[in-house]
Every structure is written in C-alpha cells, then in structure tokens.
Amino acid sequence: MRKKVLSVLLAAGMLAGILSGCSRSTGTAPEETGGGQEAASSSVSMEEEKGKSDVTIQVIVPGNFQEFPEGIDENNNFIVDYWREKTGYDFDIVILPTGDEGKEKLNLMFNGGQVEGVVFTQTTYKASQMAAQGLLEPLDSYLADNTLYNQYKDIQALGEYEGSQYGIVVPTDGIFAQGSLTVARKDIMTANGFAQQPKTFEEFNDLLYMFKDQGMTAMAVYDSPTKKPFDMFLSMFGISSTHASNFMLGEDGKLQFKMISDQAKDYLAYMHQLYVDGIIPKDFASLDITAANELYLGGKAGMVANDIAWQMPQLFQSSEELGYDSKYLDYPADSYGNTAYGDTHTNVANQVIMVAKGCPYTAEIMDFLNFLMEPDTLMLNNYGIEGEHYELVDGVPKATEKASDIAWGVYYRNIFLPEDWYQAYGVGADWAEYYYPSERHTIGKEIYDLQLPVSGEVINKRDDLTKTIVDPYFTKVITGEESLDSFDAFVQEWLGAGGQEITDEYNRLFEESGKEPYVVTSYLPEEHPEYTGKYLFDGPEQE
C-alpha cells in the first residue's frame, strides 16, 4: 500500500510544483500580508467566489519545539493571513504542547467542551478513540466532495469507527524512520583504545564498562525501560521500542507482543546487571531528557540517549563549547548476532483530521480542507514565499538561507514527500545533520504490525496495559525490586488483563493482511548536498 500512497503523493507534489504559479492566478504582483511578508497572489480569491463569511474556524494542531519570532504568532503570520484572504474565513489556531502533555490537554479540552472545530492529530487511532466517546462528528455525508479523502482513499479505513468515517487520514509521510539517538564521547573512547565504534554486542558491552572504569555513568538513559531512550539496549534483544511496532513475528509464524517474549526476559536480565554495576543511572525512572543531557554535558556520563532528533542541536552546540568530541553511534549487532534494528517513529499514515461533535460549521471545515490541498496552498504552507524562502530549480523547491526564518511553519504543514521534508525541515530548519543519523539503524527493518487497521479501542487497551502492567514490572525487575523469576507470572497477568484478546485481534488482522511486512527504507534523497553526516562517528557519508 505504501508504494501506492507515495506514488499518489509524488503526483500531488509534482502537480503542486507545476501549477503553483497558475492556479487561480493571472500573474499579478504578490500582495503584502502578515507584517510586510508576501504571500502568493491571486486576482480571484475564494472569498470573492463564495462571498464573505463570518465563520471563525478553530484549528487545533500538534505541538512542536519551534517558537514564533517577535511580531508574529500562531494567529498572525503570512500563512494564516493567506488562508483568510483566499477562503474568506477567520481562523483561531490552537497549538497543543508536545508529547504526553499535548495528549492530556487535548483530552481535557474535549471533556471540557473547548473543542468545537477541526483537530489535526498525529495519532491515527484518535479518530476511533474519540468517536467511541461520542466526541466527533461523523463525516460520511461530506466525503464525496472531499479531495483529501478521495485522493488517499486506500488508507481511510484507519479513520473509521463502527462503519462511519470520523477521521480523514493524511499520509504525512515526510518522516518515518526517526529512531532514538546515542551520542558518545569519541575523545574519551579514542584515548582509551576505542578508535572504532563497536560493531558487536560484546564490543559495545566492553565500551560500557570502559566508561565505568573512567568513573562515569556509561549511558545516561531515562524514563521507562520500554521506551525510546532505552532503544539501543532494546534493539540488542530484538524488541526495539513500542512506539510504532508492538508485535514481533514469532517462530510459529504468529504475532507476539514484544514485551512478553523470551527476548524481553533476556533484556531484563541484562539491564538488571547493568543497573547493579552502575552502567545506567540509579534514578533513571525519574529522569527526563534534560537531566540526562546534564549528566553528559557535566562529564558524568560517557554516552547519552536522546529520543527526539529536534533537541540535538543544543546538545551538540553545548558539547562543542565544552571541548567534547561528540558523535553519533550506530547500533552494533544484537546479542544473538543479528542486525540490530532501532525504533521507528510512526505509521505510514500518521495524521488524522477530526471534527468536534456538533460543530456548527462542518461544511466550512470540509471546504477549508479542500483549500489546503490546492497547489498554491501546499507550496506556501510547506515552503513559504517563492523568491524569499525558496527558489524553484528545475521544478524542485530549494530552500534559501531565509528558510530557517520560518521554522515556525511546521504548525501549518500538512502533506509533503520525503524530498519536501528534506528541503523544508532538513535544510530550511537545519535539522538534516540531526535527523538523518537517527534513521540509519532502522533501514531494512521488517515490521509486521505497522499497517494493520487496529481499532482505537484495541490500541488504547494495549497502551493501558503497557502503562499499568509492563512499564512498572520492567522498572522493578531492572532495579531489583522484583525478581526475574516472576516473569512467567507477569506474562500471565498481561494476557489475563486483556492481552490475549489484543493478541488474537492482531493475529486476525495479520492473517487478513497477507502477512507481508513493511520494510523501512531511507528517506534521505539521492541528492543531498546540504547533509554531510558530519556528526557520524566514522565521519561524513559513511554507508
């Protein structure tokens, strides 16, 4: 299915490039909008076509780490001004916090009746989850004329609940293979006989204890032992983080929940020994990314795990100021001698658009969604203003030096290809050197549960069991509060609490899917002169 989606996306991207200068345009000069910044022009606006509207559309979008420069904000900038000019609608943009805090705020807003408009979320199962709670408006009567729904119809089942469409699924395919990142003190490694990064599990284990011999915590990790900060360790036992892929292919040809596997038991035994030996922080469960980075930058840890590539620029900048030679480590082979594959960030279809129950302007929202699919809108949302933030070179948008001035544009970008991501974020936001190393250890990974149309109810139950049973147990075993002898009892507890039903549903969908795995490929464009790989341990462009 992914090839079909990407081919459609490519066609849409090419169409956007070809038509961006002619859709609804007569070639008139751009108008000044948003504090003197220019937006793409059109002599005939949607406002003139439809008449003025007094509708204000509430648009709730996922959080990010980007800040708005002085003089503009989420509701006052050239992108939203363009939306207003061309649609005739007003907009109230609400940006959620990042991570779990954002999920909690959205839930509170729904429960408090503060959501009345359209919600863009990066979790596809939210549609069925919210629909089950009676919080969403069914969209079936609007789908025939919706460009987004019909253009990507083959993935829309992910937005269904009990036979009705409550979410329009978007193949926001710009990033997929983001895994966690391990940064190491190459200067200390080189001084102590580790001129090369470890290639095997044994060599990596030796590296951990070398850092201990230097009086340091070897690896600054944090949070739950099932999550991305522990991904390098998880990958060495074939059970890499549960963010996107929770089930593995068992020897019997059926799917098995990773965290109740024999490999998970091996992982716990190993991590307990590392904990006892002081290789990882004693208080890892109460640490966060900031505390872990402080251990590393304070010279107390030889390596640090980071679960988000976007937070790496500050780490490397501070590291360089301290005189450290910090580099990314590739994943060595796992403890069984196999290739160790890291976590993958999200699903192929990783965004869903939902409308609040009882919304008084659902028709206008659907009109707005069609507007977002217009070529001019796609180009402005994704790249900014031609001639200022990008130039078209042989039909391909190339970011200019000023592209980084609109890093805040992340809040308004909807659909773009990997090549678009490279230009808009990798180059424009200067993230290439920090993101692309994070996908290196995911390339070639076979994932068997990624594209299964699992319902929101099942996913919610799965995640609830992870939070209430799996995470506490893993932490207790690693810290020695509970013996690994109780592993079989833990497995039975998980199965009895609903895990068996979850597993059965995954395997039912797996059988119906034809059992073909999704194989992760690199999203780095073939031509990428702006990305050098300068922070890779072995130097730039090591394959």
Protein backbone atom coordinates (compact mmCIF):
# COMPACT_ATOMS: atom_id res chain seq x y z
CA MET A 1 0.00 0.00 0.00
CA ARG A 2 2.84 2.36 0.79
CA LYS A 3 4.04 2.41 -2.81
CA LYS A 4 0.59 3.39 -3.95
CA VAL A 5 0.36 6.16 -1.37
CA LEU A 6 3.77 7.50 -2.23
CA SER A 7 3.05 7.43 -5.94
CA VAL A 8 -0.08 9.48 -5.38
CA LEU A 9 1.86 11.83 -3.15
CA LEU A 10 4.52 12.22 -5.78
CA ALA A 11 1.89 13.09 -8.35
CA ALA A 12 0.41 15.63 -5.97
CA GLY A 13 3.83 17.09 -5.26
CA MET A 14 4.65 17.36 -8.96
CA LEU A 15 1.28 18.94 -9.61
CA ALA A 16 1.92 21.44 -6.86
CA GLY A 17 5.23 22.36 -8.45
CA ILE A 18 3.79 22.65 -11.94
CA LEU A 19 0.65 24.56 -11.05
CA SER A 20 1.86 26.71 -8.18
CA GLY A 21 2.28 29.67 -10.48
CA CYS A 22 -1.01 29.39 -12.33
CA SER A 23 -3.76 28.14 -10.05
CA ARG A 24 -6.33 30.93 -9.73
CA SER A 25 -3.69 33.40 -10.78
CA THR A 26 -3.44 35.97 -13.52
CA GLY A 27 0.17 36.80 -12.83
CA THR A 28 -0.48 39.87 -10.72
CA ALA A 29 2.12 41.01 -8.22
CA PRO A 30 2.06 39.46 -4.73
CA GLU A 31 0.32 41.42 -2.03
CA GLU A 32 1.87 42.36 1.29
CA THR A 33 0.44 40.33 4.15
CA GLY A 34 1.38 39.39 7.69
CA GLY A 35 3.56 42.29 8.78
CA GLY A 36 5.10 43.05 5.41
CA GLN A 37 5.75 39.45 4.28
CA GLU A 38 4.50 38.46 0.85
CA ALA A 39 2.11 35.61 0.18
CA ALA A 40 1.26 34.01 -3.14
CA SER A 41 -1.25 36.12 -5.04
CA SER A 42 -4.46 35.53 -6.91
CA SER A 43 -6.68 38.01 -8.67
CA VAL A 44 -9.77 35.95 -7.86
CA SER A 45 -9.99 34.77 -4.27
CA MET A 46 -12.25 32.17 -2.76
CA GLU A 47 -13.69 34.96 -0.66
CA GLU A 48 -14.89 36.74 -3.81
CA GLU A 49 -16.17 33.48 -5.28
CA LYS A 50 -18.23 32.50 -2.26
CA GLY A 51 -18.96 35.81 -0.59
CA LYS A 52 -17.69 36.95 2.77
CA SER A 53 -18.20 34.66 5.70
CA ASP A 54 -18.30 35.43 9.39
CA VAL A 55 -17.23 31.89 10.30
CA THR A 56 -14.20 31.52 12.54
CA ILE A 57 -12.74 28.03 12.22
CA GLN A 58 -10.98 26.65 15.26
CA VAL A 59 -7.92 24.70 14.10
CA ILE A 60 -6.11 22.59 16.72
CA VAL A 61 -2.66 21.36 15.69
CA PRO A 62 0.09 19.23 17.30
CA GLY A 63 2.84 20.87 19.28
CA ASN A 64 6.45 21.32 18.30
CA PHE A 65 9.55 22.98 19.70
CA GLN A 66 9.57 25.91 17.29
CA GLU A 67 8.92 29.41 18.57
CA PHE A 68 7.46 32.37 16.75
CA PRO A 69 9.73 35.39 16.25
CA GLU A 70 8.80 38.74 17.67
CA GLY A 71 5.93 40.39 15.86
CA ILE A 72 4.02 37.29 14.79
CA ASP A 73 2.20 34.46 16.49
CA GLU A 74 0.09 31.42 15.63
CA ASN A 75 -2.86 33.55 14.50
CA ASN A 76 -0.97 36.42 12.91
CA ASN A 77 1.51 35.45 10.22
CA PHE A 78 1.62 35.40 6.44
CA ILE A 79 0.38 31.80 6.20
CA VAL A 80 -2.79 32.32 8.21
CA ASP A 81 -3.30 35.70 6.54
CA TYR A 82 -3.20 33.91 3.20
CA TRP A 83 -5.78 31.43 4.42
CA ARG A 84 -8.06 34.26 5.48
CA GLU A 85 -7.61 36.12 2.20
CA LYS A 86 -8.32 33.15 -0.02
CA THR A 87 -11.13 31.45 1.93
CA GLY A 88 -13.00 34.34 3.49
CA TYR A 89 -12.96 32.54 6.84
CA ASP A 90 -11.27 33.66 10.02
CA PHE A 91 -9.14 31.19 11.99
CA ASP A 92 -8.36 30.52 15.62
CA ILE A 93 -5.20 28.39 15.70
CA VAL A 94 -4.59 26.42 18.89
CA ILE A 95 -1.17 24.78 19.25
CA LEU A 96 -1.02 21.90 21.71
CA PRO A 97 2.00 21.18 23.93
CA THR A 98 4.39 18.45 22.83
CA GLY A 99 4.33 14.80 23.84
CA ASP A 100 2.07 13.39 26.53
CA GLU A 101 1.27 16.87 27.78
CA GLY A 102 -0.33 17.64 24.42
CA LYS A 103 -2.41 14.47 24.51
CA GLU A 104 -3.60 15.30 28.01
CA LYS A 105 -4.52 18.85 27.05
CA LEU A 106 -6.50 17.68 24.03
CA ASN A 107 -8.41 15.23 26.20
CA LEU A 108 -9.14 17.96 28.74
CA MET A 109 -10.28 20.30 26.01
CA PHE A 110 -12.65 17.68 24.59
CA ASN A 111 -14.02 16.81 28.01
CA GLY A 112 -14.39 20.48 28.89
CA GLY A 113 -16.29 21.34 25.73
CA GLN A 114 -13.48 23.57 24.45
CA VAL A 115 -13.15 21.79 21.11
CA GLU A 116 -15.66 23.00 18.54
CA GLY A 117 -13.72 22.92 15.27
CA VAL A 118 -11.17 20.78 13.46
CA VAL A 119 -8.34 18.84 15.08
CA PHE A 120 -5.16 17.68 13.36
CA THR A 121 -3.53 14.92 15.39
CA GLN A 122 -0.51 12.74 14.65
CA THR A 123 -2.15 9.63 16.08
CA THR A 124 -4.46 7.94 13.60
CA TYR A 125 -6.34 5.83 16.13
CA LYS A 126 -7.52 9.00 17.88
CA ALA A 127 -10.46 9.09 15.47
CA SER A 128 -11.92 5.79 16.65
CA GLN A 129 -10.93 6.53 20.22
CA MET A 130 -12.73 9.87 20.28
CA ALA A 131 -15.66 8.57 18.24
CA ALA A 132 -16.20 5.81 20.79
CA GLN A 133 -16.62 8.52 23.40
CA GLY A 134 -19.15 10.40 21.30
CA LEU A 135 -16.85 13.38 20.81
CA LEU A 136 -16.66 13.51 17.00
CA GLU A 137 -18.91 14.46 14.13
CA PRO A 138 -19.45 11.73 11.50
CA LEU A 139 -18.19 12.94 8.13
CA ASP A 140 -19.82 10.45 5.75
CA SER A 141 -22.14 12.97 4.09
CA TYR A 142 -19.21 15.22 3.15
CA LEU A 143 -16.78 12.65 1.74
CA ALA A 144 -17.90 12.58 -1.89
CA ASP A 145 -16.53 16.08 -2.47
CA ASN A 146 -13.51 15.91 -0.18
CA THR A 147 -10.25 15.95 -2.14
CA LEU A 148 -8.10 14.64 0.68
CA TYR A 149 -10.34 11.68 1.45
CA ASN A 150 -10.73 10.62 -2.17
CA GLN A 151 -7.09 11.10 -3.14
CA TYR A 152 -5.90 8.82 -0.33
CA LYS A 153 -8.89 6.51 -0.13
CA ASP A 154 -6.84 3.35 0.36
CA ILE A 155 -5.81 4.34 3.89
CA GLN A 156 -9.08 5.85 5.11
CA ALA A 157 -10.17 2.71 7.00
CA LEU A 158 -7.93 3.93 9.81
CA GLY A 159 -10.36 6.79 10.36
CA GLU A 160 -13.49 4.61 10.60
CA TYR A 161 -15.45 3.60 13.66
CA GLU A 162 -18.43 1.23 13.57
CA GLY A 163 -18.97 1.75 9.85
CA SER A 164 -18.79 5.55 9.82
CA GLN A 165 -15.93 7.87 8.90
CA TYR A 166 -14.92 10.05 11.82
CA GLY A 167 -11.45 10.99 10.65
CA ILE A 168 -9.76 11.82 7.36
CA VAL A 169 -6.39 10.13 7.34
CA VAL A 170 -3.40 12.00 5.96
CA PRO A 171 -0.25 10.23 4.71
CA THR A 172 2.07 12.82 6.21
CA ASP A 173 4.98 10.76 5.01
CA GLY A 174 7.82 13.23 5.44
CA ILE A 175 9.45 11.47 8.35
CA PHE A 176 9.10 7.86 9.27
CA ALA A 177 12.32 6.26 10.37
CA GLN A 178 13.19 8.57 13.23
CA GLY A 179 14.66 6.44 15.96
CA SER A 180 16.41 7.30 19.15
CA LEU A 181 19.96 8.60 19.04
CA THR A 182 23.02 7.62 21.05
CA VAL A 183 25.71 10.27 21.41
CA ALA A 184 29.13 9.25 22.71
CA ARG A 185 32.32 10.99 23.84
CA LYS A 186 34.59 9.97 20.96
CA ASP A 187 37.51 11.79 22.56
CA ILE A 188 37.34 9.55 25.65
CA MET A 189 36.80 6.45 23.54
CA THR A 190 39.83 7.16 21.37
CA ALA A 191 42.02 7.88 24.40
CA ASN A 192 41.08 4.50 25.87
CA GLY A 193 41.57 2.21 22.90
CA PHE A 194 38.21 2.54 21.16
CA ALA A 195 39.24 4.19 17.91
CA GLN A 196 36.39 2.41 16.12
CA GLN A 197 32.78 2.30 17.19
CA PRO A 198 31.61 -1.12 18.43
CA LYS A 199 30.29 -3.49 15.80
CA THR A 200 29.23 -6.39 18.03
CA PHE A 201 27.27 -6.75 21.24
CA GLU A 202 30.43 -7.80 23.06
CA GLU A 203 32.35 -4.75 21.85
CA PHE A 204 29.52 -2.49 22.95
CA ASN A 205 29.46 -4.14 26.35
CA ASP A 206 33.22 -3.54 26.67
CA LEU A 207 32.63 0.12 25.80
CA LEU A 208 30.08 0.48 28.60
CA TYR A 209 32.50 -0.85 31.18
CA MET A 210 35.34 1.29 29.83
CA PHE A 211 33.32 4.38 30.69
CA LYS A 212 32.63 2.93 34.13
CA ASP A 213 36.37 2.47 34.65
CA GLN A 214 36.72 6.21 33.95
CA GLY A 215 34.42 6.92 36.90
CA MET A 216 31.44 7.76 34.70
CA THR A 217 27.91 6.51 34.22
CA ALA A 218 28.28 4.75 30.89
CA MET A 219 24.88 5.61 29.39
CA ALA A 220 22.55 8.35 30.58
CA VAL A 221 19.08 6.88 29.96
CA TYR A 222 15.75 7.97 31.35
CA ASP A 223 12.02 7.17 31.55
CA SER A 224 10.52 3.69 31.23
CA PRO A 225 12.77 0.78 30.11
CA THR A 226 10.32 0.04 27.27
CA LYS A 227 10.58 3.46 25.64
CA LYS A 228 12.83 5.15 23.12
CA PRO A 229 15.62 6.33 25.46
CA PHE A 230 16.35 2.62 26.03
CA ASP A 231 16.09 1.82 22.33
CA MET A 232 19.75 0.92 21.79
CA PHE A 233 19.51 -1.69 24.53
CA LEU A 234 16.08 -2.90 23.39
CA SER A 235 17.34 -3.30 19.84
CA MET A 236 20.09 -5.62 21.02
CA PHE A 237 17.42 -8.09 22.05
CA GLY A 238 15.16 -7.62 19.03
CA ILE A 239 12.41 -5.81 20.94
CA SER A 240 13.04 -2.22 19.90
CA SER A 241 10.69 0.40 21.34
CA THR A 242 6.93 0.04 21.23
CA HIS A 243 6.19 3.49 19.78
CA ALA A 244 5.17 2.20 16.37
CA SER A 245 5.70 -1.55 16.37
CA ASN A 246 4.47 -3.53 19.36
CA PHE A 247 4.32 -7.05 17.97
CA MET A 248 7.04 -9.26 16.55
CA LEU A 249 6.87 -12.33 14.34
CA GLY A 250 7.23 -15.46 16.45
CA GLU A 251 8.76 -18.77 15.44
CA ASP A 252 5.24 -20.13 14.95
CA GLY A 253 4.54 -17.52 12.28
CA LYS A 254 2.16 -15.60 14.53
CA LEU A 255 2.48 -12.15 16.07
CA GLN A 256 3.61 -11.91 19.67
CA PHE A 257 3.70 -8.88 21.95
CA LYS A 258 7.37 -8.00 22.22
CA MET A 259 7.45 -7.34 25.92
CA ILE A 260 6.29 -10.83 26.93
CA SER A 261 8.77 -12.65 24.68
CA ASP A 262 11.81 -14.71 25.67
CA GLN A 263 13.90 -11.87 24.23
CA ALA A 264 12.28 -9.47 26.69
CA LYS A 265 13.30 -11.76 29.54
CA ASP A 266 16.90 -11.77 28.27
CA TYR A 267 16.76 -7.98 28.05
CA LEU A 268 15.61 -7.63 31.65
CA ALA A 269 18.37 -9.90 32.92
CA TYR A 270 21.00 -7.87 31.08
CA MET A 271 19.62 -4.49 32.13
CA HIS A 272 19.43 -5.57 35.76
CA GLN A 273 23.13 -6.40 35.69
CA LEU A 274 23.93 -3.03 34.10
CA TYR A 275 21.92 -1.33 36.84
CA VAL A 276 23.73 -3.25 39.60
CA ASP A 277 27.10 -2.36 38.04
CA GLY A 278 26.30 1.35 37.79
CA ILE A 279 26.32 1.42 33.99
CA ILE A 280 22.99 3.29 33.86
CA PRO A 281 21.72 5.90 36.35
CA LYS A 282 20.22 4.54 39.55
CA ASP A 283 17.39 7.06 39.26
CA PHE A 284 16.71 6.55 35.53
CA ALA A 285 12.95 6.18 36.07
CA SER A 286 12.65 9.73 37.46
CA LEU A 287 14.98 11.40 34.94
CA ASP A 288 13.97 13.24 31.78
CA ILE A 289 15.85 14.26 28.65
CA THR A 290 17.12 17.47 30.24
CA ALA A 291 18.56 15.65 33.25
CA ALA A 292 20.19 13.02 31.02
CA ASN A 293 21.82 15.69 28.87
CA GLU A 294 23.07 17.43 32.01
CA LEU A 295 24.80 14.23 33.10
CA TYR A 296 26.51 14.02 29.72
CA LEU A 297 27.48 17.68 29.45
CA GLY A 298 28.61 17.66 33.07
CA GLY A 299 31.18 14.98 32.29
CA LYS A 300 29.37 12.41 34.42
CA ALA A 301 28.19 10.16 31.57
CA GLY A 302 30.12 8.82 28.59
CA MET A 303 27.06 8.40 26.40
CA VAL A 304 23.54 9.79 26.36
CA ALA A 305 20.36 8.54 24.72
CA ASN A 306 18.01 11.09 23.16
CA ASP A 307 14.59 10.17 21.86
CA ILE A 308 13.96 13.28 19.75
CA ALA A 309 16.28 14.45 16.98
CA TRP A 310 15.00 18.03 17.15
CA GLN A 311 16.57 18.56 20.58
CA MET A 312 20.04 17.61 19.39
CA PRO A 313 21.34 20.96 18.04
CA GLN A 314 21.63 22.45 21.52
CA LEU A 315 23.33 19.32 22.85
CA PHE A 316 25.99 19.40 20.13
CA GLN A 317 26.47 23.14 20.46
CA SER A 318 27.00 22.88 24.23
CA SER A 319 29.25 19.86 23.73
CA GLU A 320 31.46 21.75 21.31
CA GLU A 321 31.69 24.70 23.67
CA LEU A 322 32.96 22.32 26.36
CA GLY A 323 35.59 20.90 24.02
CA TYR A 324 33.96 17.46 23.76
CA ASP A 325 34.19 15.42 20.57
CA SER A 326 30.63 14.11 20.49
CA LYS A 327 29.49 11.74 17.78
CA TYR A 328 26.50 9.54 16.93
CA LEU A 329 26.99 5.80 17.42
CA ASP A 330 25.49 3.31 15.01
CA TYR A 331 23.80 0.29 16.55
CA PRO A 332 26.04 -2.78 16.85
CA ALA A 333 24.81 -6.30 16.15
CA ASP A 334 22.36 -7.64 18.72
CA SER A 335 23.14 -10.14 21.46
CA TYR A 336 22.13 -13.01 19.16
CA GLY A 337 24.47 -11.91 16.36
CA ASN A 338 21.73 -10.43 14.18
CA THR A 339 21.40 -6.92 12.78
CA ALA A 340 20.02 -4.64 15.49
CA TYR A 341 17.17 -2.51 14.20
CA GLY A 342 16.07 0.56 16.10
CA ASP A 343 12.72 2.12 16.76
CA THR A 344 10.63 3.63 14.02
CA HIS A 345 8.82 6.86 14.64
CA THR A 346 5.27 6.35 13.49
CA ASN A 347 2.87 4.90 10.96
CA VAL A 348 2.83 5.39 7.18
CA ALA A 349 -0.44 7.22 7.70
CA ASN A 350 0.37 9.22 10.78
CA GLN A 351 -2.09 12.07 10.89
CA VAL A 352 -5.86 12.20 11.14
CA ILE A 353 -8.21 15.15 10.85
CA MET A 354 -11.28 15.13 13.08
CA VAL A 355 -14.26 17.46 13.59
CA ALA A 356 -15.81 18.03 17.01
CA LYS A 357 -19.30 16.67 17.66
CA GLY A 358 -21.98 19.27 16.99
CA CYS A 359 -19.62 21.59 15.13
CA PRO A 360 -21.78 24.36 13.60
CA TYR A 361 -19.51 24.83 10.60
CA THR A 362 -18.55 21.32 9.47
CA ALA A 363 -19.27 22.17 5.82
CA GLU A 364 -16.90 25.13 6.01
CA ILE A 365 -14.21 22.92 7.54
CA MET A 366 -14.50 20.48 4.66
CA ASP A 367 -14.22 23.39 2.25
CA PHE A 368 -11.12 24.54 4.13
CA LEU A 369 -9.59 21.05 3.83
CA ASN A 370 -10.07 21.17 0.07
CA PHE A 371 -8.37 24.57 0.09
CA LEU A 372 -5.37 23.06 1.89
CA MET A 373 -4.98 20.61 -1.00
CA GLU A 374 -4.75 23.34 -3.65
CA PRO A 375 -1.27 23.58 -5.23
CA ASP A 376 -0.68 27.22 -4.23
CA THR A 377 -1.65 26.46 -0.65
CA LEU A 378 0.58 23.40 -0.48
CA MET A 379 3.56 25.37 -1.71
CA LEU A 380 3.02 28.26 0.69
CA ASN A 381 2.34 26.03 3.70
CA ASN A 382 5.31 23.76 3.03
CA TYR A 383 7.92 26.19 1.72
CA GLY A 384 6.91 29.76 2.40
CA ILE A 385 7.21 32.51 -0.20
CA GLU A 386 8.89 31.83 -3.52
CA GLY A 387 11.91 34.06 -4.04
CA GLU A 388 12.28 34.62 -0.33
CA HIS A 389 12.17 31.25 1.43
CA TYR A 390 12.67 29.02 -1.59
CA GLU A 391 13.54 29.04 -5.28
CA LEU A 392 12.23 26.65 -7.90
CA VAL A 393 15.18 24.91 -9.57
CA ASP A 394 14.13 22.60 -12.42
CA GLY A 395 10.69 22.50 -10.82
CA VAL A 396 12.06 21.47 -7.43
CA PRO A 397 11.74 23.91 -4.48
CA LYS A 398 15.14 24.64 -2.98
CA ALA A 399 15.31 26.31 0.41
CA THR A 400 17.12 29.63 0.65
CA GLU A 401 19.07 30.95 3.62
CA LYS A 402 15.91 32.67 4.82
CA ALA A 403 14.04 29.37 5.01
CA SER A 404 15.21 28.95 8.59
CA ASP A 405 13.33 32.15 9.44
CA ILE A 406 10.06 30.25 9.05
CA ALA A 407 10.85 27.15 11.07
CA TRP A 408 7.60 28.01 12.86
CA GLY A 409 5.82 26.98 9.63
CA VAL A 410 5.85 23.40 10.97
CA TYR A 411 2.49 24.12 12.58
CA TYR A 412 0.82 24.67 9.19
CA ARG A 413 2.36 21.93 7.05
CA ASN A 414 0.06 19.11 6.10
CA ILE A 415 1.20 16.88 3.24
CA PHE A 416 4.71 16.55 1.85
CA LEU A 417 7.07 13.94 0.46
CA PRO A 418 10.39 12.89 1.97
CA GLU A 419 12.07 15.19 -0.55
CA ASP A 420 9.86 18.01 0.66
CA TRP A 421 10.79 17.23 4.25
CA TYR A 422 14.46 17.39 3.34
CA GLN A 423 14.09 20.86 1.86
CA ALA A 424 11.57 22.30 4.29
CA TYR A 425 12.97 20.90 7.53
CA GLY A 426 16.29 19.23 6.86
CA VAL A 427 17.67 22.30 5.10
CA GLY A 428 15.17 25.02 6.00
CA ALA A 429 15.13 24.31 9.73
CA ASP A 430 18.73 22.98 9.76
CA TRP A 431 17.69 19.55 11.09
CA ALA A 432 19.31 17.32 8.46
CA GLU A 433 22.51 16.65 10.42
CA TYR A 434 20.46 15.62 13.46
CA TYR A 435 17.58 13.69 11.90
CA TYR A 436 19.12 11.51 9.20
CA PRO A 437 21.57 9.78 11.58
CA SER A 438 18.52 8.64 13.55
CA GLU A 439 17.13 6.61 10.65
CA ARG A 440 20.36 4.75 9.88
CA HIS A 441 19.66 1.93 12.32
CA THR A 442 16.09 1.43 11.09
CA ILE A 443 16.82 0.84 7.39
CA GLY A 444 15.85 -2.68 6.32
CA LYS A 445 13.73 -3.36 9.38
CA GLU A 446 10.74 -5.62 8.69
CA ILE A 447 7.62 -4.57 10.60
CA TYR A 448 4.61 -6.86 10.66
CA ASP A 449 2.04 -4.87 12.64
CA LEU A 450 2.56 -1.39 11.26
CA GLN A 451 -0.22 -1.15 8.70
CA LEU A 452 -2.82 -3.31 10.37
CA PRO A 453 -6.13 -1.42 10.78
CA VAL A 454 -6.24 -1.93 14.54
CA SER A 455 -9.15 -0.17 16.21
CA GLY A 456 -8.73 2.64 18.68
CA GLU A 457 -10.26 0.52 21.43
CA VAL A 458 -7.64 -2.20 21.00
CA ILE A 459 -4.78 0.28 20.82
CA ASN A 460 -5.99 2.11 23.90
CA LYS A 461 -6.24 -1.16 25.82
CA ARG A 462 -2.78 -2.22 24.62
CA ASP A 463 -1.24 1.08 25.70
CA ASP A 464 -3.08 1.00 29.02
CA LEU A 465 -1.67 -2.46 29.79
CA THR A 466 1.81 -1.22 28.89
CA LYS A 467 1.44 1.71 31.25
CA THR A 468 -0.13 -0.17 34.15
CA ILE A 469 1.49 -3.62 33.92
CA VAL A 470 4.51 -3.69 31.60
CA ASP A 471 6.31 -0.45 32.49
CA PRO A 472 6.12 -0.93 36.29
CA TYR A 473 7.24 -4.54 36.04
CA PHE A 474 10.22 -3.78 33.81
CA THR A 475 11.36 -0.98 36.11
CA LYS A 476 11.03 -3.15 39.22
CA VAL A 477 12.99 -6.04 37.72
CA ILE A 478 15.80 -3.82 36.50
CA THR A 479 16.14 -2.09 39.87
CA GLY A 480 15.95 -5.39 41.74
CA GLU A 481 12.69 -4.62 43.49
CA GLU A 482 11.22 -7.71 41.87
CA SER A 483 12.88 -10.96 40.80
CA LEU A 484 13.00 -12.07 37.18
CA ASP A 485 11.72 -15.41 38.45
CA SER A 486 8.27 -13.80 38.32
CA PHE A 487 8.43 -13.27 34.55
CA ASP A 488 6.01 -16.10 33.71
CA ALA A 489 3.51 -14.72 36.21
CA PHE A 490 3.91 -11.27 34.65
CA VAL A 491 3.15 -12.73 31.21
CA GLN A 492 0.02 -14.42 32.52
CA GLU A 493 -1.09 -11.21 34.20
CA TRP A 494 -0.76 -9.31 30.91
CA LEU A 495 -2.62 -11.99 28.96
CA GLY A 496 -5.36 -12.24 31.57
CA ALA A 497 -5.87 -8.48 31.75
CA GLY A 498 -6.82 -8.32 28.07
CA GLY A 499 -3.52 -9.06 26.39
CA GLN A 500 -4.78 -12.36 24.97
CA GLU A 501 -7.73 -10.65 23.27
CA ILE A 502 -5.39 -7.97 21.93
CA THR A 503 -3.01 -10.59 20.56
CA ASP A 504 -5.88 -12.51 18.96
CA GLU A 505 -7.12 -9.36 17.23
CA TYR A 506 -3.65 -8.52 15.91
CA ASN A 507 -3.27 -12.02 14.53
CA ARG A 508 -6.73 -11.96 12.94
CA LEU A 509 -5.83 -8.74 11.11
CA PHE A 510 -2.39 -10.15 10.32
CA GLU A 511 -3.93 -13.19 8.63
CA GLU A 512 -6.28 -10.99 6.60
CA SER A 513 -3.42 -8.71 5.53
CA GLY A 514 -1.48 -11.47 3.77
CA LYS A 515 1.34 -11.34 6.32
CA GLU A 516 3.57 -9.12 4.18
CA PRO A 517 5.98 -7.00 6.23
CA TYR A 518 6.62 -3.31 5.78
CA VAL A 519 10.33 -2.81 5.06
CA VAL A 520 11.80 0.50 6.18
CA THR A 521 13.76 2.41 3.57
CA SER A 522 15.81 5.58 3.84
CA TYR A 523 14.07 8.90 3.39
CA LEU A 524 17.30 10.68 2.53
CA PRO A 525 17.03 11.97 -1.06
CA GLU A 526 19.58 10.65 -3.53
CA GLU A 527 20.92 14.17 -3.97
CA HIS A 528 21.51 15.81 -0.58
CA PRO A 529 24.45 18.20 -0.74
CA GLU A 530 23.35 20.09 2.37
CA TYR A 531 23.52 16.96 4.54
CA THR A 532 27.07 15.77 5.19
CA GLY A 533 26.74 13.36 8.12
CA LYS A 534 29.37 15.37 9.99
CA TYR A 535 28.27 14.07 13.39
CA LEU A 536 28.54 10.38 12.46
CA PHE A 537 31.23 8.55 14.41
CA ASP A 538 33.03 7.30 11.30
CA GLY A 539 32.85 10.61 9.51
CA PRO A 540 30.64 12.09 6.77
CA GLU A 541 28.61 9.92 4.44
CA GLN A 542 29.51 6.54 5.82
CA GLU A 543 27.19 3.97 4.28
